[in-house]
């Protein structure tokens, strides 16, 4: 049995499944299956494009084939080195070392702009790693789904005494991440209207049950939302249209959504956002022949949409940017009079998710490498019962089981914190060793995590100590994860219009049932979350200081902080060392 990747772009790619090995160990077999799974659930696997309009799993099909073949043959004491999606070579290391080390699009500051990235990408020198795309940690829309659910859950808790009852969300985008929005809203008890320019995407998700209905006009949409409110129902509606045109229409009609956001690929003005007045065919042609012109048109349309969002915010809607550079893109094209209004539009992470991230709670995920739904049921049961002190974990598992469609290998995203991830993973390793699961399990996470991401207009916006743009922490995270024996460690810098704005680290560890793996899981997962807690504690966030002092969510993962008493286990910081400086 060989990998479907070896067949190239003309074949259908399906991740390996079952209990049989193709590679020399489950550590490399697991990584190969995740590489295959990333392409199985990708937006455009024939072009290796996974998510985010241009996030790629490898630089070329030739590179993808060589990577897959190398993973099949890789000895258990060697490490595959990847450079911007291409195999650079294999080096002797040790059985405990990572099996794959990857770096994507990391450039010196003077080379990190979007224009330089575009030129290098066109020359075949680099790729946009799309966060989880080139790290092979993409699991379909579920990766963004729980993040959107947690976000909307917190928004409802903070702003609306009765939760989502009778309320609705106006948003846009049904791409890889955006398609999770109507599902997340429904799980949170919130109706939604999603504007999407591509009718094929609406048809796809309506057929798959992710949408209640597609509506022919804004007037019909508003009528359906009013009927749902009267009937006490939750609906997920989609309208084919351009957000730059529909959002101003909503604002002009004086109908007020309760919550307004957007999850289009606005971060990529050349390839991810269709300007007003363009159909898809014209847009596809224009972006190839006149990329600068299409970028300018997209920025003008984004400005129209953002102005409408600000109008709705001024009228009383809860509005925020959902991590896609919408505000920054509008500022690039906007007149100065809009700048002050944009400054009042908060970012999602700073405004709502920061208290969780500061405690090391973030988008952990597990993937059943067997491909068998039975294994996912066992894993979900374990997670639901393991953390009685945080009942929201069991509640999420219940909701996800009932409402999250499966894509590719059975997987679950679940926001677990410092100490929780390692406890869960080591228990799973014992289940694998005891034969209670049909194959090993891979553990990973999204890149929007406490230590792993620096993005001063998104995840790390306005950190208290001014270090929002400091990339030390993702780099330290990568170093620590490699030292702790993670199976894959990836260091990414942003591409497209994320160029110069983003640095992140990805990690994967396979629970293969081997006793030594228990130690690697404990060390690596505690290092990953522990560094995040220390980062936020160093920045002065009280939730992080409290989490460090109590040893994580369970009190089982002690942390030492500068000037305090070092913990007896886990991460250790000697007393008296100076704290991190301003970034």
Protein backbone atom coordinates (compact mmCIF):
# COMPACT_ATOMS: atom_id res chain seq x y z
CA UNK A 1 0.00 0.00 0.00
CA UNK A 2 1.48 3.37 -1.07
CA UNK A 3 0.43 6.95 -0.49
CA UNK A 4 -2.13 8.58 -2.80
CA UNK A 5 0.17 11.61 -2.86
CA UNK A 6 2.57 9.65 -5.06
CA UNK A 7 -0.10 9.59 -7.78
CA UNK A 8 0.06 13.36 -8.11
CA UNK A 9 -2.64 15.95 -8.81
CA UNK A 10 -4.78 13.84 -11.10
CA UNK A 11 -5.84 11.30 -8.50
CA UNK A 12 -8.13 11.46 -5.48
CA UNK A 13 -6.19 11.78 -2.26
CA UNK A 14 -7.41 9.90 0.76
CA UNK A 15 -5.49 9.57 3.99
CA UNK A 16 -4.26 6.15 5.01
CA UNK A 17 -6.48 4.35 7.48
CA UNK A 18 -6.50 1.16 9.52
CA UNK A 19 -3.93 -0.43 11.79
CA UNK A 20 -1.31 -1.31 9.17
CA UNK A 21 2.01 0.49 8.84
CA UNK A 22 3.45 1.70 5.56
CA UNK A 23 6.28 3.67 7.16
CA UNK A 24 8.94 2.35 9.54
CA UNK A 25 7.22 3.64 12.69
CA UNK A 26 3.92 5.12 13.79
CA UNK A 27 5.65 8.44 14.35
CA UNK A 28 6.30 8.85 10.63
CA UNK A 29 3.17 6.94 9.57
CA UNK A 30 1.11 9.38 11.62
CA UNK A 31 2.75 12.39 9.97
CA UNK A 32 2.22 10.90 6.52
CA UNK A 33 -1.47 10.32 7.27
CA UNK A 34 -1.84 13.91 8.43
CA UNK A 35 -0.13 15.16 5.25
CA UNK A 36 -2.59 13.06 3.24
CA UNK A 37 -5.53 14.16 5.39
CA UNK A 38 -4.65 17.82 4.91
CA UNK A 39 -5.00 17.29 1.16
CA UNK A 40 -8.07 15.06 1.51
CA UNK A 41 -10.00 17.94 3.11
CA UNK A 42 -8.23 20.77 1.22
CA UNK A 43 -10.02 23.50 -0.72
CA UNK A 44 -8.12 22.78 -3.93
CA UNK A 45 -5.97 19.67 -3.55
CA UNK A 46 -4.97 19.61 -7.22
CA UNK A 47 -3.09 22.87 -6.62
CA UNK A 48 -1.97 21.84 -3.10
CA UNK A 49 -4.02 24.77 -1.76
CA UNK A 50 -5.49 23.84 1.60
CA UNK A 51 -7.07 26.93 3.15
CA UNK A 52 -6.99 30.71 3.42
CA UNK A 53 -7.05 31.27 -0.39
CA UNK A 54 -3.38 30.34 -0.83
CA UNK A 55 -2.18 28.24 2.14
CA UNK A 56 -0.29 25.30 0.66
CA UNK A 57 0.69 21.86 1.96
CA UNK A 58 3.88 21.72 -0.14
CA UNK A 59 5.70 23.87 -2.68
CA UNK A 60 5.02 21.68 -5.72
CA UNK A 61 3.69 18.24 -6.59
CA UNK A 62 7.21 17.02 -7.19
CA UNK A 63 8.12 18.18 -3.69
CA UNK A 64 4.98 16.56 -2.26
CA UNK A 65 5.85 13.21 -3.87
CA UNK A 66 9.43 13.31 -2.53
CA UNK A 67 8.18 14.20 0.95
CA UNK A 68 5.69 11.32 0.96
CA UNK A 69 8.26 8.82 -0.31
CA UNK A 70 10.80 10.01 2.24
CA UNK A 71 8.31 9.57 5.09
CA UNK A 72 7.62 6.03 3.90
CA UNK A 73 11.34 5.20 4.03
CA UNK A 74 12.59 7.40 6.89
CA UNK A 75 14.62 5.46 9.49
CA UNK A 76 13.68 5.87 13.13
CA UNK A 77 16.86 7.80 13.96
CA UNK A 78 16.76 10.39 11.16
CA UNK A 79 14.92 13.68 10.61
CA UNK A 80 13.44 15.09 7.41
CA UNK A 81 14.17 18.81 6.92
CA UNK A 82 11.63 20.90 4.99
CA UNK A 83 12.34 24.42 3.74
CA UNK A 84 9.29 26.41 2.66
CA UNK A 85 7.40 23.33 1.57
CA UNK A 86 10.28 21.58 -0.19
CA UNK A 87 12.46 18.74 1.11
CA UNK A 88 15.97 19.97 1.89
CA UNK A 89 17.38 16.66 3.05
CA UNK A 90 17.52 14.04 5.77
CA UNK A 91 19.95 14.28 8.68
CA UNK A 92 20.98 11.71 11.32
CA UNK A 93 19.57 12.63 14.72
CA UNK A 94 18.28 10.12 17.30
CA UNK A 95 15.17 8.03 17.99
CA UNK A 96 13.95 10.70 20.43
CA UNK A 97 14.38 13.61 18.03
CA UNK A 98 11.60 15.04 15.84
CA UNK A 99 10.98 13.13 12.63
CA UNK A 100 10.19 16.33 10.68
CA UNK A 101 11.48 19.87 11.14
CA UNK A 102 9.91 22.49 8.89
CA UNK A 103 10.42 26.22 8.35
CA UNK A 104 8.15 28.17 5.99
CA UNK A 105 8.71 31.64 4.53
CA UNK A 106 10.88 32.97 7.34
CA UNK A 107 12.72 36.03 5.98
CA UNK A 108 14.65 38.97 7.39
CA UNK A 109 12.62 42.07 8.08
CA UNK A 110 13.58 43.99 4.93
CA UNK A 111 12.41 41.05 2.81
CA UNK A 112 9.20 40.32 4.69
CA UNK A 113 6.75 42.55 2.82
CA UNK A 114 3.87 41.35 0.67
CA UNK A 115 5.43 42.44 -2.65
CA UNK A 116 8.66 40.57 -1.99
CA UNK A 117 6.67 37.51 -0.93
CA UNK A 118 4.61 37.62 -4.12
CA UNK A 119 7.75 37.80 -6.25
CA UNK A 120 9.44 34.94 -4.40
CA UNK A 121 6.32 32.79 -4.48
CA UNK A 122 5.92 33.39 -8.22
CA UNK A 123 9.54 32.31 -8.70
CA UNK A 124 8.89 29.07 -6.79
CA UNK A 125 11.11 30.07 -3.87
CA UNK A 126 8.53 30.04 -1.06
CA UNK A 127 4.90 29.41 -0.16
CA UNK A 128 2.23 30.73 2.14
CA UNK A 129 2.10 28.02 4.80
CA UNK A 130 -1.42 28.98 5.78
CA UNK A 131 -0.71 28.24 9.44
CA UNK A 132 -1.87 24.62 9.62
CA UNK A 133 -1.61 23.87 5.88
CA UNK A 134 2.14 23.38 5.49
CA UNK A 135 2.33 21.97 9.02
CA UNK A 136 -0.17 19.23 7.96
CA UNK A 137 -2.39 19.98 10.93
CA UNK A 138 -5.47 21.09 9.01
CA UNK A 139 -8.60 19.08 9.87
CA UNK A 140 -11.18 20.93 7.79
CA UNK A 141 -13.59 23.53 9.06
CA UNK A 142 -13.62 22.05 12.59
CA UNK A 143 -10.23 23.62 13.24
CA UNK A 144 -11.84 27.06 13.12
CA UNK A 145 -15.26 25.91 14.29
CA UNK A 146 -14.61 25.64 17.98
CA UNK A 147 -12.62 28.88 17.96
CA UNK A 148 -15.68 30.58 16.46
CA UNK A 149 -17.96 28.79 18.92
CA UNK A 150 -15.85 29.88 21.92
CA UNK A 151 -15.75 33.41 20.54
CA UNK A 152 -19.53 33.62 20.03
CA UNK A 153 -20.21 31.95 23.38
CA UNK A 154 -18.16 34.60 25.16
CA UNK A 155 -19.69 37.44 23.11
CA UNK A 156 -23.17 36.26 24.10
CA UNK A 157 -22.19 35.90 27.76
CA UNK A 158 -20.73 39.40 27.90
CA UNK A 159 -23.34 41.34 25.94
CA UNK A 160 -26.69 39.54 26.12
CA UNK A 161 -28.33 38.41 29.35
CA UNK A 162 -30.43 35.74 27.61
CA UNK A 163 -27.72 34.32 25.37
CA UNK A 164 -28.51 33.82 21.71
CA UNK A 165 -32.29 33.61 22.05
CA UNK A 166 -33.88 35.72 19.33
CA UNK A 167 -30.55 37.15 18.23
CA UNK A 168 -28.64 36.95 14.97
CA UNK A 169 -25.18 37.32 13.48
CA UNK A 170 -24.38 39.07 10.21
CA UNK A 171 -21.15 37.82 8.70
CA UNK A 172 -19.51 36.93 5.39
CA UNK A 173 -17.43 34.15 3.89
CA UNK A 174 -17.99 30.42 3.46
CA UNK A 175 -14.41 29.43 2.78
CA UNK A 176 -12.32 26.95 4.74
CA UNK A 177 -12.62 28.87 8.03
CA UNK A 178 -15.71 30.91 7.25
CA UNK A 179 -17.86 27.84 6.59
CA UNK A 180 -17.62 27.07 10.29
CA UNK A 181 -19.45 30.30 11.22
CA UNK A 182 -23.07 29.21 10.68
CA UNK A 183 -22.38 25.92 12.48
CA UNK A 184 -20.67 27.65 15.41
CA UNK A 185 -23.50 30.18 15.67
CA UNK A 186 -26.12 27.42 15.67
CA UNK A 187 -24.25 25.50 18.37
CA UNK A 188 -24.20 28.72 20.44
CA UNK A 189 -27.96 29.15 19.97
CA UNK A 190 -27.55 32.09 17.59
CA UNK A 191 -29.17 32.60 14.18
CA UNK A 192 -26.95 33.79 11.35
CA UNK A 193 -26.96 35.35 7.90
CA UNK A 194 -23.76 34.65 5.96
CA UNK A 195 -23.03 36.56 2.76
CA UNK A 196 -21.03 34.56 0.22
CA UNK A 197 -20.09 35.57 -3.32
CA UNK A 198 -19.67 32.00 -4.62
CA UNK A 199 -23.00 30.25 -5.24
CA UNK A 200 -21.25 26.87 -5.51
CA UNK A 201 -20.09 27.13 -1.89
CA UNK A 202 -23.60 27.96 -0.72
CA UNK A 203 -24.97 24.97 -2.66
CA UNK A 204 -22.31 22.71 -1.17
CA UNK A 205 -23.01 23.64 2.42
CA UNK A 206 -26.78 23.72 1.98
CA UNK A 207 -26.64 20.18 0.57
CA UNK A 208 -24.43 19.11 3.47
CA UNK A 209 -26.88 20.40 6.06
CA UNK A 210 -24.64 23.16 7.40
CA UNK A 211 -27.20 25.78 6.33
CA UNK A 212 -30.90 25.92 7.11
CA UNK A 213 -31.66 27.65 3.82
CA UNK A 214 -30.28 29.90 1.12
CA UNK A 215 -32.29 33.04 0.49
CA UNK A 216 -32.73 34.95 -2.79
CA UNK A 217 -32.57 38.48 -1.37
CA UNK A 218 -31.78 40.52 1.69
CA UNK A 219 -35.48 41.26 2.16
CA UNK A 220 -36.31 37.56 2.30
CA UNK A 221 -33.40 36.95 4.68
CA UNK A 222 -34.59 39.62 7.11
CA UNK A 223 -38.13 38.25 6.95
CA UNK A 224 -36.90 34.71 7.68
CA UNK A 225 -34.83 35.94 10.63
CA UNK A 226 -37.86 37.77 12.03
CA UNK A 227 -40.00 34.63 11.68
CA UNK A 228 -37.34 32.54 13.41
CA UNK A 229 -37.20 34.99 16.32
CA UNK A 230 -40.98 34.87 16.72
CA UNK A 231 -40.99 31.06 16.59
CA UNK A 232 -38.03 30.74 18.96
CA UNK A 233 -36.00 28.91 16.33
CA UNK A 234 -32.35 29.14 15.29
CA UNK A 235 -31.68 29.42 11.55
CA UNK A 236 -28.50 29.52 9.47
CA UNK A 237 -29.15 31.45 6.26
CA UNK A 238 -26.86 32.20 3.32
CA UNK A 239 -27.24 34.94 0.74
CA UNK A 240 -25.29 34.96 -2.52
CA UNK A 241 -23.89 38.44 -2.84
CA UNK A 242 -20.90 40.65 -2.23
CA UNK A 243 -20.34 41.71 1.37
CA UNK A 244 -19.14 45.12 0.20
CA UNK A 245 -22.62 45.67 -1.24
CA UNK A 246 -24.85 43.72 1.17
CA UNK A 247 -23.44 45.08 4.44
CA UNK A 248 -24.12 48.73 3.42
CA UNK A 249 -27.64 47.68 2.38
CA UNK A 250 -28.25 46.24 5.85
CA UNK A 251 -26.98 49.44 7.47
CA UNK A 252 -29.11 51.61 5.14
CA UNK A 253 -32.31 49.69 5.95
CA UNK A 254 -32.00 50.43 9.64
CA UNK A 255 -32.29 46.76 10.57
CA UNK A 256 -29.80 46.02 13.31
CA UNK A 257 -27.99 42.68 13.60
CA UNK A 258 -27.04 41.82 17.16
CA UNK A 259 -23.50 40.81 16.19
CA UNK A 260 -21.48 41.74 13.07
CA UNK A 261 -18.23 40.24 11.86
CA UNK A 262 -16.58 38.75 8.77
CA UNK A 263 -14.43 35.74 7.91
CA UNK A 264 -13.65 36.23 4.25
CA UNK A 265 -10.05 35.86 3.08
CA UNK A 266 -9.65 39.64 3.26
CA UNK A 267 -6.05 39.15 4.42
CA UNK A 268 -5.24 38.29 0.77
CA UNK A 269 -6.52 41.21 -1.29
CA UNK A 270 -5.15 39.76 -4.53
CA UNK A 271 -6.52 36.24 -4.28
CA UNK A 272 -9.02 36.07 -1.43
CA UNK A 273 -11.55 38.92 -1.69
CA UNK A 274 -13.79 39.45 -4.72
CA UNK A 275 -14.30 43.19 -5.32
CA UNK A 276 -17.79 44.61 -5.77
CA UNK A 277 -18.88 44.54 -9.42
CA UNK A 278 -16.89 41.43 -10.35
CA UNK A 279 -18.29 38.00 -11.05
CA UNK A 280 -16.08 35.02 -10.23
CA UNK A 281 -14.94 34.37 -13.80
CA UNK A 282 -13.94 37.98 -14.38
CA UNK A 283 -12.20 38.10 -11.01
CA UNK A 284 -10.17 34.94 -11.70
CA UNK A 285 -9.00 36.37 -15.03
CA UNK A 286 -8.25 39.83 -13.68
CA UNK A 287 -6.20 38.68 -10.72
CA UNK A 288 -3.86 36.80 -13.07
CA UNK A 289 -3.47 39.62 -15.61
CA UNK A 290 -3.78 42.69 -13.40
CA UNK A 291 -2.96 41.72 -9.79
CA UNK A 292 -2.24 45.30 -8.72
CA UNK A 293 -5.53 46.52 -10.16
CA UNK A 294 -7.57 43.74 -8.55
CA UNK A 295 -5.83 44.41 -5.22
CA UNK A 296 -6.76 48.10 -5.38
CA UNK A 297 -10.37 47.21 -6.23
CA UNK A 298 -10.51 44.70 -3.39
CA UNK A 299 -9.17 47.24 -0.89
CA UNK A 300 -11.79 49.76 -1.99
CA UNK A 301 -14.52 47.15 -1.49
CA UNK A 302 -13.16 46.11 1.89
CA UNK A 303 -13.32 49.76 2.91
CA UNK A 304 -16.99 49.88 1.91
CA UNK A 305 -17.72 46.81 4.00
CA UNK A 306 -15.77 48.09 7.02
CA UNK A 307 -17.53 51.45 6.85
CA UNK A 308 -20.86 49.61 6.99
CA UNK A 309 -19.66 47.51 9.94
CA UNK A 310 -18.71 50.72 11.76
CA UNK A 311 -22.15 52.18 10.96
CA UNK A 312 -23.80 49.10 12.46
CA UNK A 313 -21.50 49.31 15.49
CA UNK A 314 -22.44 52.96 15.98
CA UNK A 315 -26.12 51.94 15.82
CA UNK A 316 -25.63 49.43 18.65
CA UNK A 317 -24.46 46.15 17.13
CA UNK A 318 -21.61 44.22 18.74
CA UNK A 319 -18.88 44.25 16.09
CA UNK A 320 -15.33 42.91 15.91
CA UNK A 321 -12.70 41.75 13.44
CA UNK A 322 -12.24 37.99 13.35
CA UNK A 323 -8.53 37.73 12.60
CA UNK A 324 -8.47 38.35 8.84
CA UNK A 325 -6.82 41.80 8.57
CA UNK A 326 -10.11 43.48 7.67
CA UNK A 327 -9.23 46.62 9.65
CA UNK A 328 -5.67 46.81 8.37
CA UNK A 329 -6.78 46.39 4.75
CA UNK A 330 -9.37 49.13 5.15
CA UNK A 331 -6.77 51.45 6.65
CA UNK A 332 -4.54 50.89 3.60
CA UNK A 333 -7.21 52.34 1.33
CA UNK A 334 -9.41 54.45 3.57
CA UNK A 335 -9.60 58.18 3.89
CA UNK A 336 -8.31 59.52 7.24
CA UNK A 337 -11.85 60.17 8.49
CA UNK A 338 -12.46 56.41 8.79
CA UNK A 339 -9.30 55.71 10.80
CA UNK A 340 -10.76 56.78 14.15
CA UNK A 341 -13.87 54.64 13.60
CA UNK A 342 -11.76 51.63 12.67
CA UNK A 343 -9.72 52.11 15.84
CA UNK A 344 -12.91 51.47 17.84
CA UNK A 345 -13.50 48.12 16.10
CA UNK A 346 -11.88 45.56 18.41
CA UNK A 347 -9.96 42.45 17.48
CA UNK A 348 -11.55 39.16 18.52
CA UNK A 349 -8.61 37.79 20.49
CA UNK A 350 -7.84 40.85 22.59
CA UNK A 351 -11.48 41.63 23.31
CA UNK A 352 -12.87 38.15 23.98
CA UNK A 353 -10.41 35.23 23.94
CA UNK A 354 -7.43 36.66 25.83
CA UNK A 355 -8.45 35.44 29.31
CA UNK A 356 -8.52 31.87 27.97
CA UNK A 357 -5.26 32.16 26.02
CA UNK A 358 -3.52 33.68 29.04
CA UNK A 359 -4.30 30.48 30.96
CA UNK A 360 -2.86 28.34 28.17
CA UNK A 361 -6.35 27.32 27.01
CA UNK A 362 -6.48 27.08 23.23
CA UNK A 363 -7.32 25.00 20.15
CA UNK A 364 -5.96 21.56 20.98
CA UNK A 365 -6.98 18.74 18.65
CA UNK A 366 -6.76 14.99 18.28
CA UNK A 367 -6.99 12.87 15.14
CA UNK A 368 -7.87 9.17 15.10
CA UNK A 369 -5.28 7.75 12.70
CA UNK A 370 -7.31 4.55 12.32
CA UNK A 371 -9.97 6.47 10.45
CA UNK A 372 -12.50 4.61 12.60
CA UNK A 373 -15.31 6.65 14.24
CA UNK A 374 -15.15 4.20 17.14
CA UNK A 375 -11.79 5.63 18.19
CA UNK A 376 -13.16 9.17 18.15
CA UNK A 377 -16.07 8.07 20.37
CA UNK A 378 -13.61 6.61 22.89
CA UNK A 379 -11.52 9.79 22.82
CA UNK A 380 -14.55 12.03 23.20
CA UNK A 381 -15.82 9.97 26.14
CA UNK A 382 -12.44 10.32 27.84
CA UNK A 383 -12.29 14.09 27.32
CA UNK A 384 -15.87 14.59 28.48
CA UNK A 385 -15.20 12.83 31.79
CA UNK A 386 -11.65 13.88 32.56
CA UNK A 387 -12.15 17.55 33.51
CA UNK A 388 -15.09 17.95 35.90
CA UNK A 389 -13.73 21.30 37.03
CA UNK A 390 -14.37 22.73 33.57
CA UNK A 391 -17.87 21.55 32.56
CA UNK A 392 -17.64 23.55 29.35
CA UNK A 393 -15.33 20.83 27.96
CA UNK A 394 -18.01 18.14 28.33
CA UNK A 395 -20.62 20.55 26.97
CA UNK A 396 -18.51 21.18 23.87
CA UNK A 397 -17.97 17.46 23.29
CA UNK A 398 -21.74 16.92 23.49
CA UNK A 399 -22.42 19.72 21.02
CA UNK A 400 -19.65 18.67 18.65
CA UNK A 401 -20.79 15.06 18.54
CA UNK A 402 -24.27 16.14 17.52
CA UNK A 403 -23.49 19.09 15.30
CA UNK A 404 -20.00 18.94 13.77
CA UNK A 405 -19.80 17.12 10.41
CA UNK A 406 -16.84 14.78 9.92
CA UNK A 407 -14.22 15.67 7.31
CA UNK A 408 -11.36 13.30 6.55
CA UNK A 409 -9.89 11.35 9.43
CA UNK A 410 -12.13 11.52 12.53
CA UNK A 411 -10.89 14.47 14.59
CA UNK A 412 -11.90 16.74 17.39
CA UNK A 413 -10.86 20.27 18.23
CA UNK A 414 -11.20 21.02 21.94
CA UNK A 415 -9.94 24.02 23.86
CA UNK A 416 -7.84 22.52 26.64
CA UNK A 417 -5.35 24.33 28.86
CA UNK A 418 -2.03 23.98 30.61
CA UNK A 419 -1.81 20.57 32.27
CA UNK A 420 -5.07 19.36 30.71
CA UNK A 421 -3.58 18.55 27.32
CA UNK A 422 -0.76 16.46 28.74
CA UNK A 423 -3.10 14.60 31.10
CA UNK A 424 -5.46 13.74 28.25
CA UNK A 425 -2.67 12.73 25.85
CA UNK A 426 -0.86 10.50 28.31
CA UNK A 427 -4.14 8.75 29.15
CA UNK A 428 -4.70 8.19 25.44
CA UNK A 429 -1.22 6.73 25.07
CA UNK A 430 -2.11 4.22 27.78
CA UNK A 431 -5.31 3.32 25.92
CA UNK A 432 -3.31 2.74 22.74
CA UNK A 433 -0.85 0.53 24.64
CA UNK A 434 -3.72 -1.46 26.16
CA UNK A 435 -5.35 -2.05 22.79
CA UNK A 436 -8.43 0.00 23.69
CA UNK A 437 -8.04 2.01 20.49
CA UNK A 438 -7.71 0.55 17.03
CA UNK A 439 -4.69 2.65 16.04
CA UNK A 440 -2.48 5.41 17.46
CA UNK A 441 -3.73 8.98 17.82
CA UNK A 442 -2.11 12.21 16.66
CA UNK A 443 -2.20 15.36 18.79
CA UNK A 444 -1.84 18.83 17.37
CA UNK A 445 -3.38 22.28 17.72
CA UNK A 446 -4.25 25.41 15.81
CA UNK A 447 -1.61 28.12 15.63
CA UNK A 448 -3.80 30.61 17.55
CA UNK A 449 -2.30 29.46 20.82
CA UNK A 450 -0.65 31.22 23.73
CA UNK A 451 3.05 30.67 22.95
CA UNK A 452 2.86 29.72 19.29
CA UNK A 453 1.58 32.90 17.63
CA UNK A 454 2.74 36.46 17.26
CA UNK A 455 0.43 38.71 15.27
CA UNK A 456 0.09 42.28 16.57
CA UNK A 457 -3.18 42.82 14.65
CA UNK A 458 -4.74 39.54 15.78
CA UNK A 459 -3.79 37.05 18.49
CA UNK A 460 -1.27 39.21 20.37
CA UNK A 461 -2.83 42.61 19.76
CA UNK A 462 -2.12 45.14 22.52
CA UNK A 463 -0.36 42.87 25.00
CA UNK A 464 0.06 44.80 28.22
CA UNK A 465 3.85 45.09 28.08
CA UNK A 466 4.01 46.30 24.48
CA UNK A 467 5.38 42.99 23.16
CA UNK A 468 2.58 42.33 20.66
CA UNK A 469 5.06 42.08 17.77
CA UNK A 470 7.85 40.15 19.53
CA UNK A 471 8.51 36.85 17.77
CA UNK A 472 10.75 35.41 20.50
CA UNK A 473 7.94 33.31 21.93
CA UNK A 474 7.00 31.29 18.83
CA UNK A 475 10.70 30.66 18.21
CA UNK A 476 11.27 29.60 21.81
CA UNK A 477 8.20 27.39 21.51
CA UNK A 478 9.68 25.63 18.48
CA UNK A 479 13.02 25.16 20.21
CA UNK A 480 11.37 23.75 23.34
CA UNK A 481 9.12 21.40 21.36
CA UNK A 482 12.06 20.03 19.39
CA UNK A 483 14.08 19.58 22.58
CA UNK A 484 11.16 17.72 24.16
CA UNK A 485 10.90 15.29 21.24
CA UNK A 486 7.76 16.33 19.39
CA UNK A 487 7.32 14.42 16.13
CA UNK A 488 6.87 17.47 13.89
CA UNK A 489 7.82 21.06 14.64
CA UNK A 490 7.10 23.80 12.10
CA UNK A 491 8.01 27.50 12.20
CA UNK A 492 5.95 29.69 9.87
CA UNK A 493 5.99 33.34 8.86
CA UNK A 494 2.98 34.87 7.14
CA UNK A 495 2.54 35.04 3.38
CA UNK A 496 0.37 37.24 1.21
CA UNK A 497 -0.87 40.27 3.10
CA UNK A 498 0.07 38.49 6.34
CA UNK A 499 3.69 38.98 5.25
CA UNK A 500 5.61 40.83 7.93
CA UNK A 501 2.76 40.49 10.41
CA UNK A 502 2.76 36.88 11.56
CA UNK A 503 5.07 34.31 13.13
CA UNK A 504 3.81 30.96 14.41
CA UNK A 505 4.83 27.47 15.46
CA UNK A 506 3.04 24.20 14.78
CA UNK A 507 3.47 20.87 16.55
CA UNK A 508 2.34 17.26 16.16
CA UNK A 509 2.98 14.32 18.50
CA UNK A 510 1.73 10.77 17.87
CA UNK A 511 0.56 8.69 20.84
CA UNK A 512 1.76 5.27 19.65
CA UNK A 513 1.44 3.35 22.93
CA UNK A 514 5.19 3.14 23.51
CA UNK A 515 6.08 3.83 27.19
CA UNK A 516 8.71 6.41 26.29
CA UNK A 517 6.08 8.34 24.34
CA UNK A 518 4.28 9.11 27.58
CA UNK A 519 7.30 11.13 28.73
CA UNK A 520 7.58 12.94 25.39
CA UNK A 521 3.87 13.82 25.42
CA UNK A 522 4.08 15.13 28.97
CA UNK A 523 7.19 17.21 28.34
CA UNK A 524 6.23 18.64 24.97
CA UNK A 525 2.60 19.49 25.68
CA UNK A 526 3.41 21.06 29.05
CA UNK A 527 6.25 23.03 27.48
CA UNK A 528 3.93 24.29 24.74
CA UNK A 529 1.17 25.53 27.03
CA UNK A 530 3.54 26.46 29.85
CA UNK A 531 5.51 28.83 27.66
CA UNK A 532 2.24 30.46 26.70
CA UNK A 533 1.28 31.01 30.32
CA UNK A 534 4.74 32.42 31.09
CA UNK A 535 4.51 34.70 28.06
CA UNK A 536 1.25 36.25 29.23
CA UNK A 537 2.45 36.37 32.82
CA UNK A 538 5.58 38.25 31.70
CA UNK A 539 3.29 40.66 29.85
CA UNK A 540 1.41 41.32 33.09
CA UNK A 541 -1.89 39.55 32.43
CA UNK A 542 -3.38 38.48 35.78
CA UNK A 543 -5.05 35.31 34.47
CA UNK A 544 -1.64 34.02 33.41
CA UNK A 545 0.03 34.91 36.70
CA UNK A 546 -2.69 33.03 38.58
CA UNK A 547 -2.42 30.03 36.22
CA UNK A 548 1.35 29.87 36.68
CA UNK A 549 1.08 30.11 40.45
CA UNK A 550 -1.50 27.31 40.72
CA UNK A 551 0.26 24.95 38.28
CA UNK A 552 -2.18 25.12 35.38
CA UNK A 553 -5.83 24.15 35.25
CA UNK A 554 -5.35 21.01 37.34
CA UNK A 555 -2.47 22.03 39.60
CA UNK A 556 -0.36 19.27 38.00
CA UNK A 557 1.97 21.35 35.82
CA UNK A 558 3.96 23.74 38.04
CA UNK A 559 5.67 26.75 36.52
CA UNK A 560 8.37 28.95 37.98
CA UNK A 561 8.37 32.64 37.21
CA UNK A 562 11.21 35.21 37.48
CA UNK A 563 11.41 36.42 41.04
CA UNK A 564 9.23 33.61 42.34
CA UNK A 565 9.74 30.06 43.50
CA UNK A 566 10.57 27.60 40.72
CA UNK A 567 8.21 24.66 40.38
CA UNK A 568 9.39 21.20 41.37
CA UNK A 569 8.51 19.80 37.94
CA UNK A 570 7.61 20.95 34.46
CA UNK A 571 8.95 24.27 33.18
CA UNK A 572 11.52 25.86 35.46
CA UNK A 573 12.61 29.48 35.58
CA UNK A 574 15.34 30.36 38.05
CA UNK A 575 14.44 33.09 40.56
CA UNK A 576 15.96 36.47 39.99
CA UNK A 577 16.29 36.34 36.21
CA UNK A 578 15.12 39.53 34.49
CA UNK A 579 11.77 39.32 32.76
CA UNK A 580 11.36 39.66 29.01
CA UNK A 581 11.88 43.15 27.66
CA UNK A 582 9.50 45.12 25.54
CA UNK A 583 9.07 43.96 21.96
